[in-house]
């Protein structure tokens, strides 16, 4: 595995870790409006990445199918949606601003289930980075190393506030600063692991690359619709989440086009 690939798959993890480190510099949890803005921003980045970095390349690689070029993208997208839906039902977790845990009944601590909720939506982000780098490794002309790096940077940018969004609430729940930071870091470690496993799978089964690209897109879109959009809209009406969704979307789109 080349230096570019190793660097690329760890950049998002660094973003999460730096965000989690905010627990050492901030005394309280994020203000509600700030939290909404950051959640909206993360959602915008993920939607843009799903389109420009994953779904469009998946259809471009399937151009040989003619009018059926959309089939791998549609099939992979739906498998990604259903995969996250399955995880959502079999892993106990607790979303922020929610009192009722999801998934099977569990005796896990509240803090543990908060971390599991973030970990769940970090899985598709790691897969997305991994499958794009796998495309570059395979010599695919539709994916460049700068395009893969753009995706890594975009996800790292949105992971920074996510790291803070997990560590600061854990601190307010009573966890020590070190423990809150560690949990924030651990929530992001699944990203390089998921990226590595996806690269391995994609390089072993190259014809599956369009399906894997769209699979990651479907998984990320599930997270956006099921978790991030409700979180940025909860409570008293505010447009801040919507505005920052647009900021995140345009930033990721610009990164992908400029560097890709």
C-alpha atoms as a PDB file:
ATOM      1  CA  UNK A   1       0.000   0.000   0.000  1.00  0.00           C
ATOM      2  CA  UNK A   2       1.516   3.336  -1.056  1.00  0.00           C
ATOM      3  CA  UNK A   3       2.203   6.355   1.129  1.00  0.00           C
ATOM      4  CA  UNK A   4      -0.579   8.293  -0.632  1.00  0.00           C
ATOM      5  CA  UNK A   5      -3.134   5.627   0.241  1.00  0.00           C
ATOM      6  CA  UNK A   6      -2.043   5.269   3.875  1.00  0.00           C
ATOM      7  CA  UNK A   7      -2.111   9.040   4.315  1.00  0.00           C
ATOM      8  CA  UNK A   8      -5.482   9.302   2.615  1.00  0.00           C
ATOM      9  CA  UNK A   9      -7.247   6.690   4.732  1.00  0.00           C
ATOM     10  CA  UNK A  10      -5.943   8.203   7.987  1.00  0.00           C
ATOM     11  CA  UNK A  11      -6.760  11.853   7.230  1.00  0.00           C
ATOM     12  CA  UNK A  12     -10.458  11.505   8.254  1.00  0.00           C
ATOM     13  CA  UNK A  13      -9.418   9.770  11.495  1.00  0.00           C
ATOM     14  CA  UNK A  14      -7.095  12.684  12.296  1.00  0.00           C
ATOM     15  CA  UNK A  15     -10.033  15.058  11.777  1.00  0.00           C
ATOM     16  CA  UNK A  16     -12.153  13.130  14.281  1.00  0.00           C
ATOM     17  CA  UNK A  17      -9.307  12.986  16.828  1.00  0.00           C
ATOM     18  CA  UNK A  18      -8.619  16.727  16.603  1.00  0.00           C
ATOM     19  CA  UNK A  19     -12.307  17.441  17.077  1.00  0.00           C
ATOM     20  CA  UNK A  20     -12.467  15.126  20.099  1.00  0.00           C
ATOM     21  CA  UNK A  21      -9.504  17.033  21.573  1.00  0.00           C
ATOM     22  CA  UNK A  22     -11.738  20.121  21.904  1.00  0.00           C
ATOM     23  CA  UNK A  23     -12.882  18.594  25.189  1.00  0.00           C
ATOM     24  CA  UNK A  24      -9.575  19.828  26.674  1.00  0.00           C
ATOM     25  CA  UNK A  25     -10.215  23.422  25.596  1.00  0.00           C
ATOM     26  CA  UNK A  26     -13.974  23.886  26.019  1.00  0.00           C
ATOM     27  CA  UNK A  27     -15.681  23.740  29.388  1.00  0.00           C
ATOM     28  CA  UNK A  28     -19.226  23.003  28.292  1.00  0.00           C
ATOM     29  CA  UNK A  29     -21.082  21.250  25.507  1.00  0.00           C
ATOM     30  CA  UNK A  30     -21.680  23.036  22.239  1.00  0.00           C
ATOM     31  CA  UNK A  31     -24.398  25.662  22.037  1.00  0.00           C
ATOM     32  CA  UNK A  32     -27.532  24.283  20.370  1.00  0.00           C
ATOM     33  CA  UNK A  33     -27.207  26.570  17.348  1.00  0.00           C
ATOM     34  CA  UNK A  34     -23.535  25.676  16.900  1.00  0.00           C
ATOM     35  CA  UNK A  35     -24.360  21.976  17.129  1.00  0.00           C
ATOM     36  CA  UNK A  36     -27.081  22.380  14.503  1.00  0.00           C
ATOM     37  CA  UNK A  37     -24.740  24.269  12.201  1.00  0.00           C
ATOM     38  CA  UNK A  38     -22.017  21.636  12.478  1.00  0.00           C
ATOM     39  CA  UNK A  39     -24.481  18.785  11.968  1.00  0.00           C
ATOM     40  CA  UNK A  40     -25.925  20.490   8.894  1.00  0.00           C
ATOM     41  CA  UNK A  41     -22.413  21.062   7.566  1.00  0.00           C
ATOM     42  CA  UNK A  42     -21.553  17.376   8.014  1.00  0.00           C
ATOM     43  CA  UNK A  43     -24.750  16.371   6.198  1.00  0.00           C
ATOM     44  CA  UNK A  44     -23.954  18.669   3.276  1.00  0.00           C
ATOM     45  CA  UNK A  45     -20.442  17.261   2.905  1.00  0.00           C
ATOM     46  CA  UNK A  46     -21.725  13.684   2.955  1.00  0.00           C
ATOM     47  CA  UNK A  47     -24.436  14.319   0.348  1.00  0.00           C
ATOM     48  CA  UNK A  48     -21.999  16.064  -2.031  1.00  0.00           C
ATOM     49  CA  UNK A  49     -19.406  13.315  -1.532  1.00  0.00           C
ATOM     50  CA  UNK A  50     -22.036  10.670  -2.249  1.00  0.00           C
ATOM     51  CA  UNK A  51     -22.896  12.308  -5.570  1.00  0.00           C
ATOM     52  CA  UNK A  52     -19.584  13.591  -6.968  1.00  0.00           C
ATOM     53  CA  UNK A  53     -17.108  11.134  -5.453  1.00  0.00           C
ATOM     54  CA  UNK A  54     -19.194   7.953  -5.515  1.00  0.00           C
ATOM     55  CA  UNK A  55     -22.378   7.792  -7.595  1.00  0.00           C
ATOM     56  CA  UNK A  56     -21.147   9.716 -10.648  1.00  0.00           C
ATOM     57  CA  UNK A  57     -17.889   7.686 -10.871  1.00  0.00           C
ATOM     58  CA  UNK A  58     -19.918   4.476 -10.443  1.00  0.00           C
ATOM     59  CA  UNK A  59     -22.079   5.369 -13.449  1.00  0.00           C
ATOM     60  CA  UNK A  60     -19.097   6.563 -15.501  1.00  0.00           C
ATOM     61  CA  UNK A  61     -17.366   3.218 -14.937  1.00  0.00           C
ATOM     62  CA  UNK A  62     -20.502   1.426 -16.103  1.00  0.00           C
ATOM     63  CA  UNK A  63     -20.828   3.462 -19.304  1.00  0.00           C
ATOM     64  CA  UNK A  64     -20.249   0.308 -21.339  1.00  0.00           C
ATOM     65  CA  UNK A  65     -23.711  -0.879 -20.296  1.00  0.00           C
ATOM     66  CA  UNK A  66     -25.281   1.885 -22.379  1.00  0.00           C
ATOM     67  CA  UNK A  67     -28.745   2.863 -21.206  1.00  0.00           C
ATOM     68  CA  UNK A  68     -28.343   0.397 -18.307  1.00  0.00           C
ATOM     69  CA  UNK A  69     -25.299   2.238 -16.891  1.00  0.00           C
ATOM     70  CA  UNK A  70     -27.389   3.254 -13.890  1.00  0.00           C
ATOM     71  CA  UNK A  71     -27.988  -0.352 -12.756  1.00  0.00           C
ATOM     72  CA  UNK A  72     -24.781  -0.865 -10.683  1.00  0.00           C
ATOM     73  CA  UNK A  73     -25.289   2.534  -9.042  1.00  0.00           C
ATOM     74  CA  UNK A  74     -28.906   1.806  -8.154  1.00  0.00           C
ATOM     75  CA  UNK A  75     -28.188  -1.735  -6.955  1.00  0.00           C
ATOM     76  CA  UNK A  76     -25.168  -0.741  -4.851  1.00  0.00           C
ATOM     77  CA  UNK A  77     -26.987   2.287  -3.444  1.00  0.00           C
ATOM     78  CA  UNK A  78     -29.883   0.152  -2.207  1.00  0.00           C
ATOM     79  CA  UNK A  79     -27.603  -2.478  -0.707  1.00  0.00           C
ATOM     80  CA  UNK A  80     -25.832   0.325   1.182  1.00  0.00           C
ATOM     81  CA  UNK A  81     -29.144   1.660   2.483  1.00  0.00           C
ATOM     82  CA  UNK A  82     -30.282  -1.793   3.605  1.00  0.00           C
ATOM     83  CA  UNK A  83     -26.894  -2.564   5.193  1.00  0.00           C
ATOM     84  CA  UNK A  84     -27.071   0.526   7.426  1.00  0.00           C
ATOM     85  CA  UNK A  85     -30.728  -0.204   8.150  1.00  0.00           C
ATOM     86  CA  UNK A  86     -29.689  -3.662   9.348  1.00  0.00           C
ATOM     87  CA  UNK A  87     -26.897  -2.274  11.553  1.00  0.00           C
ATOM     88  CA  UNK A  88     -29.347   0.286  12.933  1.00  0.00           C
ATOM     89  CA  UNK A  89     -31.580  -2.544  14.125  1.00  0.00           C
ATOM     90  CA  UNK A  90     -28.985  -4.963  15.502  1.00  0.00           C
ATOM     91  CA  UNK A  91     -26.587  -2.576  17.293  1.00  0.00           C
ATOM     92  CA  UNK A  92     -27.847  -0.777  20.410  1.00  0.00           C
ATOM     93  CA  UNK A  93     -27.134   2.949  20.162  1.00  0.00           C
ATOM     94  CA  UNK A  94     -28.385   6.318  21.343  1.00  0.00           C
ATOM     95  CA  UNK A  95     -28.543   9.459  19.233  1.00  0.00           C
ATOM     96  CA  UNK A  96     -27.843  12.882  20.669  1.00  0.00           C
ATOM     97  CA  UNK A  97     -30.916  14.773  21.919  1.00  0.00           C
ATOM     98  CA  UNK A  98     -32.721  11.468  22.353  1.00  0.00           C
ATOM     99  CA  UNK A  99     -33.730   9.704  25.539  1.00  0.00           C
ATOM    100  CA  UNK A 100     -34.754   6.426  23.929  1.00  0.00           C
ATOM    101  CA  UNK A 101     -32.109   4.016  22.697  1.00  0.00           C
ATOM    102  CA  UNK A 102     -32.470   2.281  19.327  1.00  0.00           C
ATOM    103  CA  UNK A 103     -31.718  -1.312  18.395  1.00  0.00           C
ATOM    104  CA  UNK A 104     -32.078  -4.326  20.705  1.00  0.00           C
ATOM    105  CA  UNK A 105     -32.495  -3.904  24.447  1.00  0.00           C
ATOM    106  CA  UNK A 106     -29.158  -3.507  26.165  1.00  0.00           C
ATOM    107  CA  UNK A 107     -27.587  -2.804  29.541  1.00  0.00           C
ATOM    108  CA  UNK A 108     -24.852  -0.727  27.962  1.00  0.00           C
ATOM    109  CA  UNK A 109     -24.153   2.638  29.544  1.00  0.00           C
ATOM    110  CA  UNK A 110     -25.635   5.743  27.970  1.00  0.00           C
ATOM    111  CA  UNK A 111     -22.164   7.050  27.083  1.00  0.00           C
ATOM    112  CA  UNK A 112     -21.280   3.792  25.332  1.00  0.00           C
ATOM    113  CA  UNK A 113     -24.444   3.910  23.241  1.00  0.00           C
ATOM    114  CA  UNK A 114     -23.746   7.540  22.291  1.00  0.00           C
ATOM    115  CA  UNK A 115     -20.343   6.466  20.984  1.00  0.00           C
ATOM    116  CA  UNK A 116     -21.876   3.520  19.105  1.00  0.00           C
ATOM    117  CA  UNK A 117     -24.286   5.888  17.345  1.00  0.00           C
ATOM    118  CA  UNK A 118     -21.399   7.975  15.979  1.00  0.00           C
ATOM    119  CA  UNK A 119     -19.364   4.862  15.181  1.00  0.00           C
ATOM    120  CA  UNK A 120     -22.251   3.544  13.066  1.00  0.00           C
ATOM    121  CA  UNK A 121     -22.179   6.518  10.742  1.00  0.00           C
ATOM    122  CA  UNK A 122     -18.380   6.579  10.581  1.00  0.00           C
ATOM    123  CA  UNK A 123     -18.397   3.120   8.969  1.00  0.00           C
ATOM    124  CA  UNK A 124     -19.711   4.274   5.549  1.00  0.00           C
ATOM    125  CA  UNK A 125     -17.343   7.261   5.584  1.00  0.00           C
ATOM    126  CA  UNK A 126     -14.362   4.929   5.951  1.00  0.00           C
ATOM    127  CA  UNK A 127     -15.735   2.682   3.216  1.00  0.00           C
ATOM    128  CA  UNK A 128     -16.191   5.667   0.917  1.00  0.00           C
ATOM    129  CA  UNK A 129     -12.559   6.718   1.279  1.00  0.00           C
ATOM    130  CA  UNK A 130     -11.373   3.124   0.875  1.00  0.00           C
ATOM    131  CA  UNK A 131     -13.328   2.389  -2.282  1.00  0.00           C
ATOM    132  CA  UNK A 132     -12.198   5.622  -3.985  1.00  0.00           C
ATOM    133  CA  UNK A 133      -8.563   4.837  -3.243  1.00  0.00           C
ATOM    134  CA  UNK A 134      -9.172   1.287  -4.456  1.00  0.00           C
ATOM    135  CA  UNK A 135     -10.375   2.750  -7.741  1.00  0.00           C
ATOM    136  CA  UNK A 136      -7.210   4.801  -8.064  1.00  0.00           C
ATOM    137  CA  UNK A 137      -4.998   1.805  -7.201  1.00  0.00           C
ATOM    138  CA  UNK A 138      -6.728  -0.244  -9.910  1.00  0.00           C
ATOM    139  CA  UNK A 139      -5.763   2.376 -12.496  1.00  0.00           C
ATOM    140  CA  UNK A 140      -9.324   3.519 -13.095  1.00  0.00           C
ATOM    141  CA  UNK A 141      -9.194   6.590 -15.323  1.00  0.00           C
ATOM    142  CA  UNK A 142     -12.283   8.123 -13.703  1.00  0.00           C
ATOM    143  CA  UNK A 143     -10.613   8.364 -10.274  1.00  0.00           C
ATOM    144  CA  UNK A 144      -7.461  10.376  -9.595  1.00  0.00           C
ATOM    145  CA  UNK A 145      -5.279  10.455  -6.498  1.00  0.00           C
ATOM    146  CA  UNK A 146      -6.139  14.138  -6.034  1.00  0.00           C
ATOM    147  CA  UNK A 147      -9.830  13.301  -6.296  1.00  0.00           C
ATOM    148  CA  UNK A 148      -9.422  10.609  -3.629  1.00  0.00           C
ATOM    149  CA  UNK A 149      -7.498  13.094  -1.481  1.00  0.00           C
ATOM    150  CA  UNK A 150     -10.305  15.638  -1.902  1.00  0.00           C
ATOM    151  CA  UNK A 151     -12.771  13.125  -0.489  1.00  0.00           C
ATOM    152  CA  UNK A 152     -10.460  12.373   2.457  1.00  0.00           C
ATOM    153  CA  UNK A 153     -10.025  16.076   3.210  1.00  0.00           C
ATOM    154  CA  UNK A 154     -13.768  16.759   2.888  1.00  0.00           C
ATOM    155  CA  UNK A 155     -14.661  13.965   5.296  1.00  0.00           C
ATOM    156  CA  UNK A 156     -11.880  15.052   7.686  1.00  0.00           C
ATOM    157  CA  UNK A 157     -13.306  18.595   7.727  1.00  0.00           C
ATOM    158  CA  UNK A 158     -16.749  17.344   8.661  1.00  0.00           C
ATOM    159  CA  UNK A 159     -15.247  14.839  11.119  1.00  0.00           C
ATOM    160  CA  UNK A 160     -13.663  17.644  13.136  1.00  0.00           C
ATOM    161  CA  UNK A 161     -16.988  18.970  14.472  1.00  0.00           C
ATOM    162  CA  UNK A 162     -18.254  15.398  14.803  1.00  0.00           C
ATOM    163  CA  UNK A 163     -15.360  14.596  17.132  1.00  0.00           C
ATOM    164  CA  UNK A 164     -16.316  17.576  19.291  1.00  0.00           C
ATOM    165  CA  UNK A 165     -20.003  16.688  19.081  1.00  0.00           C
ATOM    166  CA  UNK A 166     -19.262  13.281  20.649  1.00  0.00           C
ATOM    167  CA  UNK A 167     -16.578  14.190  23.228  1.00  0.00           C
ATOM    168  CA  UNK A 168     -18.239  17.314  24.669  1.00  0.00           C
ATOM    169  CA  UNK A 169     -21.618  15.670  25.380  1.00  0.00           C
ATOM    170  CA  UNK A 170     -19.783  12.743  26.987  1.00  0.00           C
ATOM    171  CA  UNK A 171     -17.989  15.250  29.222  1.00  0.00           C
ATOM    172  CA  UNK A 172     -21.309  16.844  30.151  1.00  0.00           C
ATOM    173  CA  UNK A 173     -22.660  13.348  30.927  1.00  0.00           C
ATOM    174  CA  UNK A 174     -20.002  13.049  33.628  1.00  0.00           C
ATOM    175  CA  UNK A 175     -17.105  11.365  31.832  1.00  0.00           C
ATOM    176  CA  UNK A 176     -13.599  12.672  32.533  1.00  0.00           C
ATOM    177  CA  UNK A 177     -11.845  14.711  29.857  1.00  0.00           C
ATOM    178  CA  UNK A 178      -9.416  11.892  29.045  1.00  0.00           C
ATOM    179  CA  UNK A 179     -12.194   9.332  28.790  1.00  0.00           C
ATOM    180  CA  UNK A 180     -14.377  11.615  26.657  1.00  0.00           C
ATOM    181  CA  UNK A 181     -11.439  12.254  24.319  1.00  0.00           C
ATOM    182  CA  UNK A 182     -10.642   8.534  24.101  1.00  0.00           C
ATOM    183  CA  UNK A 183     -14.241   7.660  23.243  1.00  0.00           C
ATOM    184  CA  UNK A 184     -14.279  10.353  20.563  1.00  0.00           C
ATOM    185  CA  UNK A 185     -11.090   8.935  19.058  1.00  0.00           C
ATOM    186  CA  UNK A 186     -12.384   5.355  19.222  1.00  0.00           C
ATOM    187  CA  UNK A 187     -15.562   6.369  17.385  1.00  0.00           C
ATOM    188  CA  UNK A 188     -13.371   7.368  14.441  1.00  0.00           C
ATOM    189  CA  UNK A 189     -10.969   4.403  14.388  1.00  0.00           C
ATOM    190  CA  UNK A 190     -13.514   2.413  12.359  1.00  0.00           C
ATOM    191  CA  UNK A 191     -12.844   4.728   9.410  1.00  0.00           C
ATOM    192  CA  UNK A 192      -9.270   3.644   8.562  1.00  0.00           C
ATOM    193  CA  UNK A 193     -10.212   0.041   9.396  1.00  0.00           C
ATOM    194  CA  UNK A 194     -13.251   0.192   7.096  1.00  0.00           C
ATOM    195  CA  UNK A 195     -11.176   1.896   4.398  1.00  0.00           C
ATOM    196  CA  UNK A 196      -8.482  -0.776   4.512  1.00  0.00           C
ATOM    197  CA  UNK A 197     -10.994  -3.647   4.351  1.00  0.00           C
ATOM    198  CA  UNK A 198     -12.832  -1.977   1.464  1.00  0.00           C
ATOM    199  CA  UNK A 199      -9.583  -1.488  -0.474  1.00  0.00           C
ATOM    200  CA  UNK A 200      -8.781  -5.162   0.061  1.00  0.00           C
ATOM    201  CA  UNK A 201     -12.220  -6.283  -1.132  1.00  0.00           C
ATOM    202  CA  UNK A 202     -12.245  -3.952  -4.136  1.00  0.00           C
ATOM    203  CA  UNK A 203      -8.775  -4.925  -5.356  1.00  0.00           C
ATOM    204  CA  UNK A 204      -9.723  -8.595  -5.120  1.00  0.00           C
ATOM    205  CA  UNK A 205     -12.971  -8.108  -7.054  1.00  0.00           C
ATOM    206  CA  UNK A 206     -12.356  -5.230  -9.487  1.00  0.00           C
ATOM    207  CA  UNK A 207     -15.617  -5.674 -11.453  1.00  0.00           C
ATOM    208  CA  UNK A 208     -17.482  -4.928  -8.202  1.00  0.00           C
ATOM    209  CA  UNK A 209     -15.986  -1.418  -7.921  1.00  0.00           C
ATOM    210  CA  UNK A 210     -19.047   0.471  -9.285  1.00  0.00           C
ATOM    211  CA  UNK A 211     -21.248  -1.449  -6.843  1.00  0.00           C
ATOM    212  CA  UNK A 212     -18.920  -0.679  -3.924  1.00  0.00           C
ATOM    213  CA  UNK A 213     -18.807   3.015  -4.811  1.00  0.00           C
ATOM    214  CA  UNK A 214     -22.588   3.267  -4.842  1.00  0.00           C
ATOM    215  CA  UNK A 215     -22.846   1.022  -1.756  1.00  0.00           C
ATOM    216  CA  UNK A 216     -20.816   3.592   0.216  1.00  0.00           C
ATOM    217  CA  UNK A 217     -23.020   6.376  -1.195  1.00  0.00           C
ATOM    218  CA  UNK A 218     -26.185   4.599  -0.074  1.00  0.00           C
ATOM    219  CA  UNK A 219     -24.787   3.986   3.402  1.00  0.00           C
ATOM    220  CA  UNK A 220     -23.800   7.644   3.785  1.00  0.00           C
ATOM    221  CA  UNK A 221     -27.162   8.885   2.527  1.00  0.00           C
ATOM    222  CA  UNK A 222     -28.897   6.649   5.064  1.00  0.00           C
ATOM    223  CA  UNK A 223     -26.925   8.322   7.851  1.00  0.00           C
ATOM    224  CA  UNK A 224     -27.747  11.800   6.537  1.00  0.00           C
ATOM    225  CA  UNK A 225     -31.500  11.177   6.283  1.00  0.00           C
ATOM    226  CA  UNK A 226     -31.953   8.978   9.344  1.00  0.00           C
ATOM    227  CA  UNK A 227     -29.688  10.831  11.757  1.00  0.00           C
ATOM    228  CA  UNK A 228     -28.122  14.127  10.695  1.00  0.00           C
ATOM    229  CA  UNK A 229     -31.116  15.922   9.194  1.00  0.00           C
ATOM    230  CA  UNK A 230     -33.372  15.138  12.188  1.00  0.00           C
ATOM    231  CA  UNK A 231     -30.611  16.290  14.577  1.00  0.00           C
ATOM    232  CA  UNK A 232     -30.075  19.597  12.800  1.00  0.00           C
ATOM    233  CA  UNK A 233     -33.835  20.270  12.862  1.00  0.00           C
ATOM    234  CA  UNK A 234     -34.738  19.192  16.400  1.00  0.00           C
ATOM    235  CA  UNK A 235     -36.240  21.699  18.849  1.00  0.00           C
ATOM    236  CA  UNK A 236     -37.190  25.314  18.119  1.00  0.00           C
ATOM    237  CA  UNK A 237     -37.277  26.144  14.410  1.00  0.00           C
ATOM    238  CA  UNK A 238     -34.025  27.500  12.997  1.00  0.00           C
ATOM    239  CA  UNK A 239     -32.565  27.847   9.500  1.00  0.00           C
ATOM    240  CA  UNK A 240     -28.953  27.537  10.670  1.00  0.00           C
ATOM    241  CA  UNK A 241     -28.728  23.799   9.927  1.00  0.00           C
ATOM    242  CA  UNK A 242     -30.054  24.288   6.396  1.00  0.00           C
ATOM    243  CA  UNK A 243     -27.638  27.137   5.668  1.00  0.00           C
ATOM    244  CA  UNK A 244     -24.643  25.128   6.863  1.00  0.00           C
ATOM    245  CA  UNK A 245     -25.865  22.085   4.930  1.00  0.00           C
ATOM    246  CA  UNK A 246     -25.502  24.261   1.829  1.00  0.00           C
ATOM    247  CA  UNK A 247     -22.044  25.424   2.992  1.00  0.00           C
ATOM    248  CA  UNK A 248     -20.868  21.841   3.476  1.00  0.00           C
ATOM    249  CA  UNK A 249     -22.374  20.711   0.175  1.00  0.00           C
ATOM    250  CA  UNK A 250     -20.753  23.471  -1.876  1.00  0.00           C
ATOM    251  CA  UNK A 251     -17.393  23.095  -0.127  1.00  0.00           C
ATOM    252  CA  UNK A 252     -17.255  19.341  -0.826  1.00  0.00           C
ATOM    253  CA  UNK A 253     -18.448  19.876  -4.402  1.00  0.00           C
ATOM    254  CA  UNK A 254     -15.769  22.518  -4.967  1.00  0.00           C
ATOM    255  CA  UNK A 255     -13.052  20.298  -3.463  1.00  0.00           C
ATOM    256  CA  UNK A 256     -14.041  17.364  -5.625  1.00  0.00           C
ATOM    257  CA  UNK A 257     -14.205  19.346  -8.856  1.00  0.00           C
ATOM    258  CA  UNK A 258     -11.069  21.421  -8.170  1.00  0.00           C
ATOM    259  CA  UNK A 259      -8.897  18.518  -7.033  1.00  0.00           C
ATOM    260  CA  UNK A 260     -10.563  15.713  -8.951  1.00  0.00           C
END
